[in-house]
């Protein structure tokens, strides 16, 4: 499991981005990949899966 911080999440559009703590890499997150509701600034734990445009965060839960 990766750990990171929610950089941005638009509830209306259902997507956002998470910045991984170690590498500072940004990952796309879609509402379908959430376990918990997230907000900007939340510390989260997540897994990565290959998406259409690169790696996506899935199984995202708030720490």
Protein backbone atom coordinates (compact mmCIF):
# COMPACT_ATOMS: atom_id res chain seq x y z
CA UNK A 1 0.00 0.00 0.00
CA UNK A 2 1.16 3.50 -0.88
CA UNK A 3 0.62 6.51 1.37
CA UNK A 4 -0.04 10.05 0.27
CA UNK A 5 -2.01 13.27 0.58
CA UNK A 6 -5.09 14.32 -1.40
CA UNK A 7 -3.94 17.29 -3.49
CA UNK A 8 -7.33 17.97 -5.09
CA UNK A 9 -10.71 16.22 -5.26
CA UNK A 10 -13.80 17.52 -7.07
CA UNK A 11 -16.87 15.81 -5.58
CA UNK A 12 -19.13 17.10 -8.36
CA UNK A 13 -16.99 15.64 -11.15
CA UNK A 14 -15.90 12.61 -9.09
CA UNK A 15 -12.13 12.74 -9.55
CA UNK A 16 -8.94 14.22 -8.19
CA UNK A 17 -5.24 13.65 -7.53
CA UNK A 18 -3.17 12.15 -4.74
CA UNK A 19 0.52 12.98 -4.16
CA UNK A 20 2.54 10.01 -2.88
CA UNK A 21 4.54 10.82 0.25
CA UNK A 22 7.82 9.13 -0.77
CA UNK A 23 8.21 9.95 -4.47
CA UNK A 24 5.99 13.06 -4.70
CA UNK A 25 4.46 11.40 -7.78
CA UNK A 26 0.86 12.42 -8.55
CA UNK A 27 -1.81 9.80 -9.23
CA UNK A 28 -5.28 10.21 -10.66
CA UNK A 29 -8.13 9.01 -8.42
CA UNK A 30 -11.73 8.43 -9.52
CA UNK A 31 -14.70 8.20 -7.16
CA UNK A 32 -15.09 4.53 -8.15
CA UNK A 33 -11.68 3.82 -6.54
CA UNK A 34 -12.62 5.18 -3.11
CA UNK A 35 -13.33 3.16 0.02
CA UNK A 36 -13.79 6.30 2.18
CA UNK A 37 -14.92 9.79 1.21
CA UNK A 38 -11.88 12.03 0.74
CA UNK A 39 -11.20 15.76 0.88
CA UNK A 40 -8.26 17.96 -0.02
CA UNK A 41 -5.48 17.55 2.55
CA UNK A 42 -6.55 14.08 3.79
CA UNK A 43 -3.78 11.57 4.48
CA UNK A 44 -4.67 8.38 2.61
CA UNK A 45 -3.50 4.86 1.88
CA UNK A 46 -4.03 3.42 -1.61
CA UNK A 47 -3.05 0.84 -4.21
CA UNK A 48 -2.07 1.51 -7.81
CA UNK A 49 -3.53 0.06 -10.98
CA UNK A 50 -2.81 0.74 -14.65
CA UNK A 51 -5.34 3.11 -16.21
CA UNK A 52 -5.84 4.51 -19.71
CA UNK A 53 -3.38 7.37 -19.10
CA UNK A 54 -1.03 5.88 -16.51
CA UNK A 55 -1.26 4.69 -12.94
CA UNK A 56 -4.47 5.33 -10.97
CA UNK A 57 -5.03 5.23 -7.21
CA UNK A 58 -7.62 2.64 -6.12
CA UNK A 59 -8.86 1.22 -2.82
CA UNK A 60 -8.28 4.67 -1.32
CA UNK A 61 -8.98 4.97 2.40
CA UNK A 62 -8.38 7.78 4.88
CA UNK A 63 -5.74 7.14 7.53
